[in-house]
């Protein structure tokens, strides 16, 4: 099921992201949104803003952090988040 995260200010839906053929080593709009919103906010409050439970927010954040560490060149615009978390 494809979710639309535009209401949370994320941009593309999951299906739009896949259809654009963006490499999986880059962060998805949802991963970017979650990692940026986690700075100073709880898992619960971020989850409520996109309609998922806090455990799912934790999983999304963990995946994004792994991608940023593994592929720093592709995600250089978001590496500052690692210093904040």
PDB file of N, CA and C in Angstrom:
ATOM      1  N   UNK A   1       0.829  -1.169   0.000  1.00  0.00           N
ATOM      2  CA  UNK A   1       0.000   0.000   0.000  1.00  0.00           C
ATOM      3  C   UNK A   1       0.884   1.247   0.000  1.00  0.00           C
ATOM      4  N   UNK A   2       0.677   2.110  -0.908  1.00  0.00           N
ATOM      5  CA  UNK A   2       1.481   3.318  -1.039  1.00  0.00           C
ATOM      6  C   UNK A   2       0.898   4.435  -0.181  1.00  0.00           C
ATOM      7  N   UNK A   3       1.748   5.032   0.639  1.00  0.00           N
ATOM      8  CA  UNK A   3       1.294   6.135   1.489  1.00  0.00           C
ATOM      9  C   UNK A   3       1.743   7.447   0.886  1.00  0.00           C
ATOM     10  N   UNK A   4       0.931   8.457   1.082  1.00  0.00           N
ATOM     11  CA  UNK A   4       1.255   9.791   0.590  1.00  0.00           C
ATOM     12  C   UNK A   4       1.702  10.640   1.770  1.00  0.00           C
ATOM     13  N   UNK A   5       2.964  11.050   1.762  1.00  0.00           N
ATOM     14  CA  UNK A   5       3.515  11.814   2.870  1.00  0.00           C
ATOM     15  C   UNK A   5       3.525  13.308   2.589  1.00  0.00           C
ATOM     16  N   UNK A   6       2.848  13.730   1.535  1.00  0.00           N
ATOM     17  CA  UNK A   6       2.839  15.147   1.201  1.00  0.00           C
ATOM     18  C   UNK A   6       2.148  15.961   2.289  1.00  0.00           C
ATOM     19  N   UNK A   7       1.200  15.385   2.994  1.00  0.00           N
ATOM     20  CA  UNK A   7       0.522  16.127   4.053  1.00  0.00           C
ATOM     21  C   UNK A   7       1.473  16.446   5.202  1.00  0.00           C
ATOM     22  N   UNK A   8       2.521  15.675   5.333  1.00  0.00           N
ATOM     23  CA  UNK A   8       3.506  15.925   6.380  1.00  0.00           C
ATOM     24  C   UNK A   8       4.681  16.740   5.842  1.00  0.00           C
ATOM     25  N   UNK A   9       4.563  17.242   4.625  1.00  0.00           N
ATOM     26  CA  UNK A   9       5.624  18.058   4.067  1.00  0.00           C
ATOM     27  C   UNK A   9       6.792  17.269   3.509  1.00  0.00           C
ATOM     28  N   UNK A  10       6.582  15.998   3.221  1.00  0.00           N
ATOM     29  CA  UNK A  10       7.681  15.152   2.762  1.00  0.00           C
ATOM     30  C   UNK A  10       7.886  15.219   1.264  1.00  0.00           C
ATOM     31  N   UNK A  11       6.865  15.415   0.485  1.00  0.00           N
ATOM     32  CA  UNK A  11       7.050  15.528  -0.955  1.00  0.00           C
ATOM     33  C   UNK A  11       6.380  14.432  -1.735  1.00  0.00           C
ATOM     34  N   UNK A  12       7.119  13.412  -2.118  1.00  0.00           N
ATOM     35  CA  UNK A  12       6.601  12.363  -2.997  1.00  0.00           C
ATOM     36  C   UNK A  12       5.963  11.245  -2.208  1.00  0.00           C
ATOM     37  N   UNK A  13       5.045  10.544  -2.865  1.00  0.00           N
ATOM     38  CA  UNK A  13       4.520   9.307  -2.285  1.00  0.00           C
ATOM     39  C   UNK A  13       5.553   8.205  -2.570  1.00  0.00           C
ATOM     40  N   UNK A  14       5.392   7.064  -1.898  1.00  0.00           N
ATOM     41  CA  UNK A  14       6.323   5.947  -2.108  1.00  0.00           C
ATOM     42  C   UNK A  14       6.376   5.522  -3.571  1.00  0.00           C
ATOM     43  N   UNK A  15       5.209   5.454  -4.220  1.00  0.00           N
ATOM     44  CA  UNK A  15       5.180   4.992  -5.614  1.00  0.00           C
ATOM     45  C   UNK A  15       5.871   5.989  -6.543  1.00  0.00           C
ATOM     46  N   UNK A  16       5.736   7.281  -6.279  1.00  0.00           N
ATOM     47  CA  UNK A  16       6.429   8.287  -7.099  1.00  0.00           C
ATOM     48  C   UNK A  16       7.942   8.138  -6.950  1.00  0.00           C
ATOM     49  N   UNK A  17       8.377   7.875  -5.740  1.00  0.00           N
ATOM     50  CA  UNK A  17       9.805   7.707  -5.478  1.00  0.00           C
ATOM     51  C   UNK A  17      10.356   6.532  -6.292  1.00  0.00           C
ATOM     52  N   UNK A  18       9.635   5.406  -6.241  1.00  0.00           N
ATOM     53  CA  UNK A  18      10.067   4.214  -6.997  1.00  0.00           C
ATOM     54  C   UNK A  18      10.030   4.465  -8.492  1.00  0.00           C
ATOM     55  N   UNK A  19       9.006   5.157  -8.971  1.00  0.00           N
ATOM     56  CA  UNK A  19       8.872   5.380 -10.412  1.00  0.00           C
ATOM     57  C   UNK A  19       9.959   6.314 -10.946  1.00  0.00           C
ATOM     58  N   UNK A  20      10.530   7.141 -10.105  1.00  0.00           N
ATOM     59  CA  UNK A  20      11.603   8.042 -10.542  1.00  0.00           C
ATOM     60  C   UNK A  20      12.952   7.324 -10.652  1.00  0.00           C
ATOM     61  N   UNK A  21      13.020   6.102 -10.147  1.00  0.00           N
ATOM     62  CA  UNK A  21      14.228   5.312 -10.280  1.00  0.00           C
ATOM     63  C   UNK A  21      15.399   5.818  -9.453  1.00  0.00           C
ATOM     64  N   UNK A  22      15.113   6.443  -8.345  1.00  0.00           N
ATOM     65  CA  UNK A  22      16.193   6.953  -7.490  1.00  0.00           C
ATOM     66  C   UNK A  22      16.864   5.770  -6.806  1.00  0.00           C
ATOM     67  N   UNK A  23      18.191   5.730  -6.814  1.00  0.00           N
ATOM     68  CA  UNK A  23      18.909   4.602  -6.216  1.00  0.00           C
ATOM     69  C   UNK A  23      18.525   4.402  -4.749  1.00  0.00           C
ATOM     70  N   UNK A  24      18.451   3.166  -4.333  1.00  0.00           N
ATOM     71  CA  UNK A  24      18.053   2.833  -2.971  1.00  0.00           C
ATOM     72  C   UNK A  24      19.085   3.284  -1.928  1.00  0.00           C
ATOM     73  N   UNK A  25      20.306   3.598  -2.354  1.00  0.00           N
ATOM     74  CA  UNK A  25      21.289   4.048  -1.383  1.00  0.00           C
ATOM     75  C   UNK A  25      21.055   5.500  -0.967  1.00  0.00           C
ATOM     76  N   UNK A  26      20.216   6.194  -1.708  1.00  0.00           N
ATOM     77  CA  UNK A  26      19.857   7.555  -1.315  1.00  0.00           C
ATOM     78  C   UNK A  26      18.671   7.514  -0.365  1.00  0.00           C
ATOM     79  N   UNK A  27      18.579   8.516   0.475  1.00  0.00           N
ATOM     80  CA  UNK A  27      17.479   8.589   1.423  1.00  0.00           C
ATOM     81  C   UNK A  27      16.170   8.890   0.710  1.00  0.00           C
ATOM     82  N   UNK A  28      15.122   8.240   1.157  1.00  0.00           N
ATOM     83  CA  UNK A  28      13.791   8.518   0.637  1.00  0.00           C
ATOM     84  C   UNK A  28      13.278   9.801   1.289  1.00  0.00           C
ATOM     85  N   UNK A  29      12.281  10.431   0.705  1.00  0.00           N
ATOM     86  CA  UNK A  29      11.706  11.619   1.348  1.00  0.00           C
ATOM     87  C   UNK A  29      11.218  11.329   2.774  1.00  0.00           C
ATOM     88  N   UNK A  30      10.658  10.157   2.994  1.00  0.00           N
ATOM     89  CA  UNK A  30      10.183   9.803   4.329  1.00  0.00           C
ATOM     90  C   UNK A  30      11.348   9.674   5.304  1.00  0.00           C
ATOM     91  N   UNK A  31      12.455   9.069   4.864  1.00  0.00           N
ATOM     92  CA  UNK A  31      13.623   8.941   5.738  1.00  0.00           C
ATOM     93  C   UNK A  31      14.196  10.311   6.083  1.00  0.00           C
ATOM     94  N   UNK A  32      14.243  11.190   5.105  1.00  0.00           N
ATOM     95  CA  UNK A  32      14.733  12.548   5.353  1.00  0.00           C
ATOM     96  C   UNK A  32      13.834  13.246   6.368  1.00  0.00           C
ATOM     97  N   UNK A  33      12.533  13.171   6.145  1.00  0.00           N
ATOM     98  CA  UNK A  33      11.576  13.823   7.036  1.00  0.00           C
ATOM     99  C   UNK A  33      11.725  13.307   8.466  1.00  0.00           C
ATOM    100  N   UNK A  34      11.755  11.989   8.622  1.00  0.00           N
ATOM    101  CA  UNK A  34      11.822  11.391   9.958  1.00  0.00           C
ATOM    102  C   UNK A  34      13.114  11.780  10.665  1.00  0.00           C
ATOM    103  N   UNK A  35      14.242  11.680   9.985  1.00  0.00           N
ATOM    104  CA  UNK A  35      15.507  12.001  10.651  1.00  0.00           C
ATOM    105  C   UNK A  35      15.598  13.474  11.018  1.00  0.00           C
ATOM    106  N   UNK A  36      15.117  14.338  10.154  1.00  0.00           N
ATOM    107  CA  UNK A  36      15.133  15.771  10.482  1.00  0.00           C
ATOM    108  C   UNK A  36      14.173  16.082  11.621  1.00  0.00           C
ATOM    109  N   UNK A  37      12.996  15.482  11.625  1.00  0.00           N
ATOM    110  CA  UNK A  37      12.000  15.760  12.662  1.00  0.00           C
ATOM    111  C   UNK A  37      12.369  15.156  14.013  1.00  0.00           C
ATOM    112  N   UNK A  38      13.192  14.128  14.014  1.00  0.00           N
ATOM    113  CA  UNK A  38      13.577  13.476  15.269  1.00  0.00           C
ATOM    114  C   UNK A  38      14.457  14.369  16.146  1.00  0.00           C
ATOM    115  N   UNK A  39      15.071  15.363  15.571  1.00  0.00           N
ATOM    116  CA  UNK A  39      15.918  16.253  16.358  1.00  0.00           C
ATOM    117  C   UNK A  39      15.004  17.101  17.244  1.00  0.00           C
ATOM    118  N   UNK A  40      15.040  16.842  18.534  1.00  0.00           N
ATOM    119  CA  UNK A  40      14.239  17.589  19.489  1.00  0.00           C
ATOM    120  C   UNK A  40      12.806  17.125  19.639  1.00  0.00           C
ATOM    121  N   UNK A  41      12.419  16.044  18.968  1.00  0.00           N
ATOM    122  CA  UNK A  41      11.053  15.531  19.073  1.00  0.00           C
ATOM    123  C   UNK A  41      11.080  14.059  19.445  1.00  0.00           C
ATOM    124  N   UNK A  42       9.996  13.580  20.006  1.00  0.00           N
ATOM    125  CA  UNK A  42       9.904  12.179  20.397  1.00  0.00           C
ATOM    126  C   UNK A  42       9.496  11.311  19.209  1.00  0.00           C
ATOM    127  N   UNK A  43       9.757  10.026  19.345  1.00  0.00           N
ATOM    128  CA  UNK A  43       9.315   9.068  18.327  1.00  0.00           C
ATOM    129  C   UNK A  43       7.799   9.153  18.154  1.00  0.00           C
ATOM    130  N   UNK A  44       7.105   9.274  19.270  1.00  0.00           N
ATOM    131  CA  UNK A  44       5.640   9.335  19.250  1.00  0.00           C
ATOM    132  C   UNK A  44       5.132  10.532  18.453  1.00  0.00           C
ATOM    133  N   UNK A  45       5.701  11.717  18.688  1.00  0.00           N
ATOM    134  CA  UNK A  45       5.195  12.912  18.010  1.00  0.00           C
ATOM    135  C   UNK A  45       5.499  12.881  16.509  1.00  0.00           C
ATOM    136  N   UNK A  46       6.652  12.353  16.136  1.00  0.00           N
ATOM    137  CA  UNK A  46       6.973  12.227  14.708  1.00  0.00           C
ATOM    138  C   UNK A  46       6.035  11.211  14.069  1.00  0.00           C
ATOM    139  N   UNK A  47       5.793  10.109  14.755  1.00  0.00           N
ATOM    140  CA  UNK A  47       4.887   9.089  14.240  1.00  0.00           C
ATOM    141  C   UNK A  47       3.483   9.616  14.019  1.00  0.00           C
ATOM    142  N   UNK A  48       3.006  10.414  14.947  1.00  0.00           N
ATOM    143  CA  UNK A  48       1.668  10.988  14.807  1.00  0.00           C
ATOM    144  C   UNK A  48       1.579  11.916  13.598  1.00  0.00           C
ATOM    145  N   UNK A  49       2.661  12.610  13.289  1.00  0.00           N
ATOM    146  CA  UNK A  49       2.631  13.552  12.167  1.00  0.00           C
ATOM    147  C   UNK A  49       2.550  12.856  10.808  1.00  0.00           C
ATOM    148  N   UNK A  50       3.015  11.592  10.726  1.00  0.00           N
ATOM    149  CA  UNK A  50       2.941  10.863   9.453  1.00  0.00           C
ATOM    150  C   UNK A  50       2.047   9.632   9.526  1.00  0.00           C
ATOM    151  N   UNK A  51       1.406   9.426  10.669  1.00  0.00           N
ATOM    152  CA  UNK A  51       0.436   8.341  10.781  1.00  0.00           C
ATOM    153  C   UNK A  51       1.018   6.956  10.949  1.00  0.00           C
ATOM    154  N   UNK A  52       2.145   6.847  11.654  1.00  0.00           N
ATOM    155  CA  UNK A  52       2.725   5.535  11.950  1.00  0.00           C
ATOM    156  C   UNK A  52       3.048   5.461  13.440  1.00  0.00           C
ATOM    157  N   UNK A  53       3.299   4.253  13.933  1.00  0.00           N
ATOM    158  CA  UNK A  53       3.625   4.084  15.337  1.00  0.00           C
ATOM    159  C   UNK A  53       5.087   4.427  15.593  1.00  0.00           C
ATOM    160  N   UNK A  54       5.407   4.658  16.854  1.00  0.00           N
ATOM    161  CA  UNK A  54       6.769   5.091  17.191  1.00  0.00           C
ATOM    162  C   UNK A  54       7.829   4.050  16.839  1.00  0.00           C
ATOM    163  N   UNK A  55       7.489   2.773  16.908  1.00  0.00           N
ATOM    164  CA  UNK A  55       8.452   1.730  16.530  1.00  0.00           C
ATOM    165  C   UNK A  55       8.807   1.833  15.053  1.00  0.00           C
ATOM    166  N   UNK A  56       7.835   2.137  14.208  1.00  0.00           N
ATOM    167  CA  UNK A  56       8.102   2.300  12.772  1.00  0.00           C
ATOM    168  C   UNK A  56       8.989   3.514  12.533  1.00  0.00           C
ATOM    169  N   UNK A  57       8.783   4.590  13.296  1.00  0.00           N
ATOM    170  CA  UNK A  57       9.642   5.773  13.183  1.00  0.00           C
ATOM    171  C   UNK A  57      11.078   5.401  13.539  1.00  0.00           C
ATOM    172  N   UNK A  58      11.248   4.610  14.611  1.00  0.00           N
ATOM    173  CA  UNK A  58      12.587   4.169  15.016  1.00  0.00           C
ATOM    174  C   UNK A  58      13.245   3.356  13.906  1.00  0.00           C
ATOM    175  N   UNK A  59      12.479   2.466  13.256  1.00  0.00           N
ATOM    176  CA  UNK A  59      13.013   1.648  12.174  1.00  0.00           C
ATOM    177  C   UNK A  59      13.421   2.506  10.975  1.00  0.00           C
ATOM    178  N   UNK A  60      12.584   3.469  10.624  1.00  0.00           N
ATOM    179  CA  UNK A  60      12.884   4.362   9.494  1.00  0.00           C
ATOM    180  C   UNK A  60      14.153   5.158   9.785  1.00  0.00           C
ATOM    181  N   UNK A  61      14.259   5.680  11.007  1.00  0.00           N
ATOM    182  CA  UNK A  61      15.433   6.452  11.386  1.00  0.00           C
ATOM    183  C   UNK A  61      16.692   5.584  11.347  1.00  0.00           C
ATOM    184  N   UNK A  62      16.610   4.369  11.870  1.00  0.00           N
ATOM    185  CA  UNK A  62      17.767   3.468  11.882  1.00  0.00           C
ATOM    186  C   UNK A  62      18.227   3.156  10.456  1.00  0.00           C
ATOM    187  N   UNK A  63      17.283   2.918   9.558  1.00  0.00           N
ATOM    188  CA  UNK A  63      17.628   2.628   8.163  1.00  0.00           C
ATOM    189  C   UNK A  63      18.303   3.833   7.509  1.00  0.00           C
ATOM    190  N   UNK A  64      17.780   5.021   7.785  1.00  0.00           N
ATOM    191  CA  UNK A  64      18.362   6.239   7.224  1.00  0.00           C
ATOM    192  C   UNK A  64      19.789   6.453   7.730  1.00  0.00           C
ATOM    193  N   UNK A  65      20.001   6.227   9.004  1.00  0.00           N
ATOM    194  CA  UNK A  65      21.345   6.393   9.579  1.00  0.00           C
ATOM    195  C   UNK A  65      22.315   5.396   8.952  1.00  0.00           C
ATOM    196  N   UNK A  66      21.869   4.155   8.760  1.00  0.00           N
ATOM    197  CA  UNK A  66      22.739   3.158   8.101  1.00  0.00           C
ATOM    198  C   UNK A  66      23.118   3.609   6.698  1.00  0.00           C
ATOM    199  N   UNK A  67      22.142   4.122   5.948  1.00  0.00           N
ATOM    200  CA  UNK A  67      22.418   4.595   4.586  1.00  0.00           C
ATOM    201  C   UNK A  67      23.402   5.766   4.601  1.00  0.00           C
ATOM    202  N   UNK A  68      23.215   6.694   5.532  1.00  0.00           N
ATOM    203  CA  UNK A  68      24.106   7.856   5.591  1.00  0.00           C
ATOM    204  C   UNK A  68      25.540   7.448   5.916  1.00  0.00           C
ATOM    205  N   UNK A  69      25.676   6.463   6.785  1.00  0.00           N
ATOM    206  CA  UNK A  69      27.029   6.004   7.138  1.00  0.00           C
ATOM    207  C   UNK A  69      27.660   5.174   6.028  1.00  0.00           C
ATOM    208  N   UNK A  70      26.862   4.355   5.353  1.00  0.00           N
ATOM    209  CA  UNK A  70      27.379   3.471   4.311  1.00  0.00           C
ATOM    210  C   UNK A  70      27.646   4.204   3.001  1.00  0.00           C
ATOM    211  N   UNK A  71      26.801   5.189   2.669  1.00  0.00           N
ATOM    212  CA  UNK A  71      26.923   5.923   1.414  1.00  0.00           C
ATOM    213  C   UNK A  71      27.003   7.436   1.680  1.00  0.00           C
ATOM    214  N   UNK A  72      28.069   7.898   2.319  1.00  0.00           N
ATOM    215  CA  UNK A  72      28.143   9.315   2.688  1.00  0.00           C
ATOM    216  C   UNK A  72      28.145  10.262   1.488  1.00  0.00           C
ATOM    217  N   UNK A  73      28.739   9.857   0.372  1.00  0.00           N
ATOM    218  CA  UNK A  73      28.787  10.746  -0.797  1.00  0.00           C
ATOM    219  C   UNK A  73      27.394  11.004  -1.372  1.00  0.00           C
ATOM    220  N   UNK A  74      26.556   9.974  -1.403  1.00  0.00           N
ATOM    221  CA  UNK A  74      25.219  10.116  -1.963  1.00  0.00           C
ATOM    222  C   UNK A  74      24.278  10.889  -1.041  1.00  0.00           C
ATOM    223  N   UNK A  75      24.616  10.949   0.235  1.00  0.00           N
ATOM    224  CA  UNK A  75      23.736  11.573   1.223  1.00  0.00           C
ATOM    225  C   UNK A  75      24.413  12.735   1.937  1.00  0.00           C
ATOM    226  N   UNK A  76      25.374  13.359   1.277  1.00  0.00           N
ATOM    227  CA  UNK A  76      26.175  14.404   1.931  1.00  0.00           C
ATOM    228  C   UNK A  76      25.355  15.580   2.436  1.00  0.00           C
ATOM    229  N   UNK A  77      24.207  15.852   1.814  1.00  0.00           N
ATOM    230  CA  UNK A  77      23.372  16.970   2.258  1.00  0.00           C
ATOM    231  C   UNK A  77      22.711  16.706   3.605  1.00  0.00           C
ATOM    232  N   UNK A  78      22.696  15.455   4.040  1.00  0.00           N
ATOM    233  CA  UNK A  78      21.991  15.104   5.266  1.00  0.00           C
ATOM    234  C   UNK A  78      22.917  14.589   6.363  1.00  0.00           C
ATOM    235  N   UNK A  79      24.232  14.594   6.142  1.00  0.00           N
ATOM    236  CA  UNK A  79      25.160  14.056   7.129  1.00  0.00           C
ATOM    237  C   UNK A  79      25.171  14.841   8.438  1.00  0.00           C
ATOM    238  N   UNK A  80      24.793  16.101   8.396  1.00  0.00           N
ATOM    239  CA  UNK A  80      24.759  16.911   9.621  1.00  0.00           C
ATOM    240  C   UNK A  80      23.804  16.308  10.640  1.00  0.00           C
ATOM    241  N   UNK A  81      22.842  15.542  10.179  1.00  0.00           N
ATOM    242  CA  UNK A  81      21.876  14.922  11.092  1.00  0.00           C
ATOM    243  C   UNK A  81      22.568  13.954  12.019  1.00  0.00           C
ATOM    244  N   UNK A  82      23.584  13.234  11.523  1.00  0.00           N
ATOM    245  CA  UNK A  82      24.291  12.266  12.362  1.00  0.00           C
ATOM    246  C   UNK A  82      24.914  12.933  13.588  1.00  0.00           C
ATOM    247  N   UNK A  83      25.374  14.172  13.432  1.00  0.00           N
ATOM    248  CA  UNK A  83      25.975  14.882  14.556  1.00  0.00           C
ATOM    249  C   UNK A  83      24.921  15.307  15.569  1.00  0.00           C
ATOM    250  N   UNK A  84      23.690  15.501  15.127  1.00  0.00           N
ATOM    251  CA  UNK A  84      22.621  15.972  16.001  1.00  0.00           C
ATOM    252  C   UNK A  84      21.937  14.841  16.763  1.00  0.00           C
ATOM    253  N   UNK A  85      21.982  13.618  16.218  1.00  0.00           N
ATOM    254  CA  UNK A  85      21.273  12.501  16.855  1.00  0.00           C
ATOM    255  C   UNK A  85      22.046  11.927  18.015  1.00  0.00           C
TER     256      UNK A  85
END
